[in-house]
């Protein structure tokens, strides 16, 4: 009777190779990562505090870097995704520790759009 320990195992024709080039069994493929959970719903009118990261004009209002601003969420979210503001706890702590005055963006925008008094001039 022939010694069967020297023969490699026979695979069915057309079956995928179950070993690697080193002769070790292949690992099963890693399943795809699950979808990340959806972002929580945010009230678009909720107030969001932020640190402005660069000289920027936001809805017509000019801001310098490191300005402490309160935005509505509907304004702040796209700005943060674009890297223009930082709403992290560390950013807010930086503003507070440096005693920066908080600017309310909506108020600044209203002041910018307020009618200017007419200059009557001299007679």
C-alpha atoms as a PDB file:
ATOM      1  CA  UNK A   1       0.000   0.000   0.000  1.00  0.00           C
ATOM      2  CA  UNK A   2       1.487   3.449  -0.983  1.00  0.00           C
ATOM      3  CA  UNK A   3       2.234   6.037   1.694  1.00  0.00           C
ATOM      4  CA  UNK A   4      -0.419   8.745   1.381  1.00  0.00           C
ATOM      5  CA  UNK A   5       1.257  11.287   3.670  1.00  0.00           C
ATOM      6  CA  UNK A   6       3.607  12.390   0.866  1.00  0.00           C
ATOM      7  CA  UNK A   7       0.828  13.266  -1.585  1.00  0.00           C
ATOM      8  CA  UNK A   8      -0.858  16.671  -1.540  1.00  0.00           C
ATOM      9  CA  UNK A   9      -4.603  16.638  -1.041  1.00  0.00           C
ATOM     10  CA  UNK A  10      -6.590  16.498  -4.249  1.00  0.00           C
ATOM     11  CA  UNK A  11      -9.006  19.357  -4.935  1.00  0.00           C
ATOM     12  CA  UNK A  12     -12.104  19.157  -7.030  1.00  0.00           C
ATOM     13  CA  UNK A  13     -11.538  20.473 -10.547  1.00  0.00           C
ATOM     14  CA  UNK A  14     -12.261  24.227 -10.757  1.00  0.00           C
ATOM     15  CA  UNK A  15     -12.249  24.669  -6.961  1.00  0.00           C
ATOM     16  CA  UNK A  16     -10.377  27.748  -5.717  1.00  0.00           C
ATOM     17  CA  UNK A  17      -6.932  27.189  -4.284  1.00  0.00           C
ATOM     18  CA  UNK A  18      -7.220  26.998  -0.491  1.00  0.00           C
ATOM     19  CA  UNK A  19      -3.526  27.575   0.266  1.00  0.00           C
ATOM     20  CA  UNK A  20      -1.158  30.501  -0.075  1.00  0.00           C
ATOM     21  CA  UNK A  21       2.151  30.332  -1.885  1.00  0.00           C
ATOM     22  CA  UNK A  22       3.774  29.372   1.433  1.00  0.00           C
ATOM     23  CA  UNK A  23       1.454  26.383   1.791  1.00  0.00           C
ATOM     24  CA  UNK A  24      -0.509  27.918   4.679  1.00  0.00           C
ATOM     25  CA  UNK A  25      -4.316  28.028   4.579  1.00  0.00           C
ATOM     26  CA  UNK A  26      -5.782  31.297   3.279  1.00  0.00           C
ATOM     27  CA  UNK A  27      -7.643  33.567   5.628  1.00  0.00           C
ATOM     28  CA  UNK A  28     -11.287  34.187   4.897  1.00  0.00           C
ATOM     29  CA  UNK A  29     -11.792  37.635   3.305  1.00  0.00           C
ATOM     30  CA  UNK A  30     -12.505  40.412   5.767  1.00  0.00           C
ATOM     31  CA  UNK A  31     -16.140  41.482   5.646  1.00  0.00           C
ATOM     32  CA  UNK A  32     -16.722  45.123   4.652  1.00  0.00           C
ATOM     33  CA  UNK A  33     -16.843  47.662   7.458  1.00  0.00           C
ATOM     34  CA  UNK A  34     -20.341  48.535   8.600  1.00  0.00           C
ATOM     35  CA  UNK A  35     -21.743  51.874   7.526  1.00  0.00           C
ATOM     36  CA  UNK A  36     -21.034  54.615  10.069  1.00  0.00           C
ATOM     37  CA  UNK A  37     -24.028  55.682  12.117  1.00  0.00           C
ATOM     38  CA  UNK A  38     -25.903  58.641  10.670  1.00  0.00           C
ATOM     39  CA  UNK A  39     -24.995  62.051  12.053  1.00  0.00           C
ATOM     40  CA  UNK A  40     -27.439  63.152  14.731  1.00  0.00           C
ATOM     41  CA  UNK A  41     -30.120  65.608  13.732  1.00  0.00           C
ATOM     42  CA  UNK A  42     -29.091  69.147  14.654  1.00  0.00           C
ATOM     43  CA  UNK A  43     -31.469  72.015  15.129  1.00  0.00           C
ATOM     44  CA  UNK A  44     -30.339  74.406  12.347  1.00  0.00           C
ATOM     45  CA  UNK A  45     -31.080  77.397  14.590  1.00  0.00           C
ATOM     46  CA  UNK A  46     -29.150  76.066  17.590  1.00  0.00           C
ATOM     47  CA  UNK A  47     -26.282  78.274  18.762  1.00  0.00           C
ATOM     48  CA  UNK A  48     -22.749  76.996  18.133  1.00  0.00           C
ATOM     49  CA  UNK A  49     -19.646  78.627  19.568  1.00  0.00           C
ATOM     50  CA  UNK A  50     -16.528  78.573  17.410  1.00  0.00           C
ATOM     51  CA  UNK A  51     -13.012  79.861  16.931  1.00  0.00           C
ATOM     52  CA  UNK A  52     -12.352  81.330  13.489  1.00  0.00           C
ATOM     53  CA  UNK A  53      -9.178  79.745  12.111  1.00  0.00           C
ATOM     54  CA  UNK A  54      -8.237  82.175   9.322  1.00  0.00           C
ATOM     55  CA  UNK A  55      -9.001  85.610   7.972  1.00  0.00           C
ATOM     56  CA  UNK A  56     -12.396  85.051   6.464  1.00  0.00           C
ATOM     57  CA  UNK A  57     -15.535  86.777   5.258  1.00  0.00           C
ATOM     58  CA  UNK A  58     -18.617  84.866   6.364  1.00  0.00           C
ATOM     59  CA  UNK A  59     -21.951  86.078   5.014  1.00  0.00           C
ATOM     60  CA  UNK A  60     -20.426  89.510   4.448  1.00  0.00           C
ATOM     61  CA  UNK A  61     -18.863  89.805   7.928  1.00  0.00           C
ATOM     62  CA  UNK A  62     -15.038  89.944   8.103  1.00  0.00           C
ATOM     63  CA  UNK A  63     -13.338  87.902  10.811  1.00  0.00           C
ATOM     64  CA  UNK A  64      -9.687  87.712  11.839  1.00  0.00           C
ATOM     65  CA  UNK A  65      -8.021  84.471  12.955  1.00  0.00           C
ATOM     66  CA  UNK A  66      -8.765  83.508  16.566  1.00  0.00           C
ATOM     67  CA  UNK A  67     -12.046  85.418  16.700  1.00  0.00           C
ATOM     68  CA  UNK A  68     -14.589  83.899  19.107  1.00  0.00           C
ATOM     69  CA  UNK A  69     -17.956  83.764  17.329  1.00  0.00           C
ATOM     70  CA  UNK A  70     -21.393  82.353  18.016  1.00  0.00           C
ATOM     71  CA  UNK A  71     -23.051  81.016  14.850  1.00  0.00           C
ATOM     72  CA  UNK A  72     -26.300  79.265  14.079  1.00  0.00           C
ATOM     73  CA  UNK A  73     -25.699  75.555  13.433  1.00  0.00           C
ATOM     74  CA  UNK A  74     -26.843  75.852   9.808  1.00  0.00           C
ATOM     75  CA  UNK A  75     -23.952  78.301   9.234  1.00  0.00           C
ATOM     76  CA  UNK A  76     -21.372  76.632  11.488  1.00  0.00           C
ATOM     77  CA  UNK A  77     -21.593  73.035  10.228  1.00  0.00           C
ATOM     78  CA  UNK A  78     -20.436  73.678   6.628  1.00  0.00           C
ATOM     79  CA  UNK A  79     -17.780  76.133   7.850  1.00  0.00           C
ATOM     80  CA  UNK A  80     -16.359  73.519  10.202  1.00  0.00           C
ATOM     81  CA  UNK A  81     -16.408  70.811   7.523  1.00  0.00           C
ATOM     82  CA  UNK A  82     -14.445  73.205   5.282  1.00  0.00           C
ATOM     83  CA  UNK A  83     -11.865  73.803   8.034  1.00  0.00           C
ATOM     84  CA  UNK A  84     -12.683  77.488   8.408  1.00  0.00           C
ATOM     85  CA  UNK A  85     -13.808  77.326  12.060  1.00  0.00           C
ATOM     86  CA  UNK A  86     -13.233  75.011  15.025  1.00  0.00           C
ATOM     87  CA  UNK A  87     -16.081  74.181  17.412  1.00  0.00           C
ATOM     88  CA  UNK A  88     -14.179  71.720  19.602  1.00  0.00           C
ATOM     89  CA  UNK A  89     -14.085  72.105  23.376  1.00  0.00           C
ATOM     90  CA  UNK A  90     -10.362  72.909  23.117  1.00  0.00           C
ATOM     91  CA  UNK A  91     -11.036  75.749  20.654  1.00  0.00           C
ATOM     92  CA  UNK A  92     -13.684  77.271  22.922  1.00  0.00           C
ATOM     93  CA  UNK A  93     -11.416  76.867  25.962  1.00  0.00           C
ATOM     94  CA  UNK A  94      -8.677  78.714  24.018  1.00  0.00           C
ATOM     95  CA  UNK A  95     -11.031  81.620  23.330  1.00  0.00           C
ATOM     96  CA  UNK A  96     -12.191  81.805  26.938  1.00  0.00           C
ATOM     97  CA  UNK A  97      -8.705  81.471  28.414  1.00  0.00           C
ATOM     98  CA  UNK A  98      -7.537  84.363  26.234  1.00  0.00           C
ATOM     99  CA  UNK A  99     -10.575  86.379  27.321  1.00  0.00           C
ATOM    100  CA  UNK A 100     -11.725  86.911  23.753  1.00  0.00           C
ATOM    101  CA  UNK A 101     -15.011  88.749  23.393  1.00  0.00           C
ATOM    102  CA  UNK A 102     -17.688  86.552  21.851  1.00  0.00           C
ATOM    103  CA  UNK A 103     -19.255  88.019  18.710  1.00  0.00           C
ATOM    104  CA  UNK A 104     -22.765  86.909  17.819  1.00  0.00           C
ATOM    105  CA  UNK A 105     -22.635  86.437  14.054  1.00  0.00           C
ATOM    106  CA  UNK A 106     -26.324  87.236  13.521  1.00  0.00           C
ATOM    107  CA  UNK A 107     -25.907  90.569  15.331  1.00  0.00           C
ATOM    108  CA  UNK A 108     -22.770  91.399  13.334  1.00  0.00           C
ATOM    109  CA  UNK A 109     -24.610  90.556  10.126  1.00  0.00           C
ATOM    110  CA  UNK A 110     -27.557  92.785  11.096  1.00  0.00           C
ATOM    111  CA  UNK A 111     -25.199  95.656  11.966  1.00  0.00           C
ATOM    112  CA  UNK A 112     -23.497  95.257   8.612  1.00  0.00           C
ATOM    113  CA  UNK A 113     -26.833  95.439   6.784  1.00  0.00           C
ATOM    114  CA  UNK A 114     -28.329  98.236   8.905  1.00  0.00           C
ATOM    115  CA  UNK A 115     -29.070 101.441   7.026  1.00  0.00           C
ATOM    116  CA  UNK A 116     -26.352 104.003   7.467  1.00  0.00           C
ATOM    117  CA  UNK A 117     -27.323 107.437   8.736  1.00  0.00           C
ATOM    118  CA  UNK A 118     -27.308 110.024   5.992  1.00  0.00           C
ATOM    119  CA  UNK A 119     -24.501 112.548   6.208  1.00  0.00           C
ATOM    120  CA  UNK A 120     -26.210 115.955   6.117  1.00  0.00           C
ATOM    121  CA  UNK A 121     -22.985 117.884   5.593  1.00  0.00           C
ATOM    122  CA  UNK A 122     -22.396 121.564   6.382  1.00  0.00           C
ATOM    123  CA  UNK A 123     -24.536 124.414   5.249  1.00  0.00           C
END
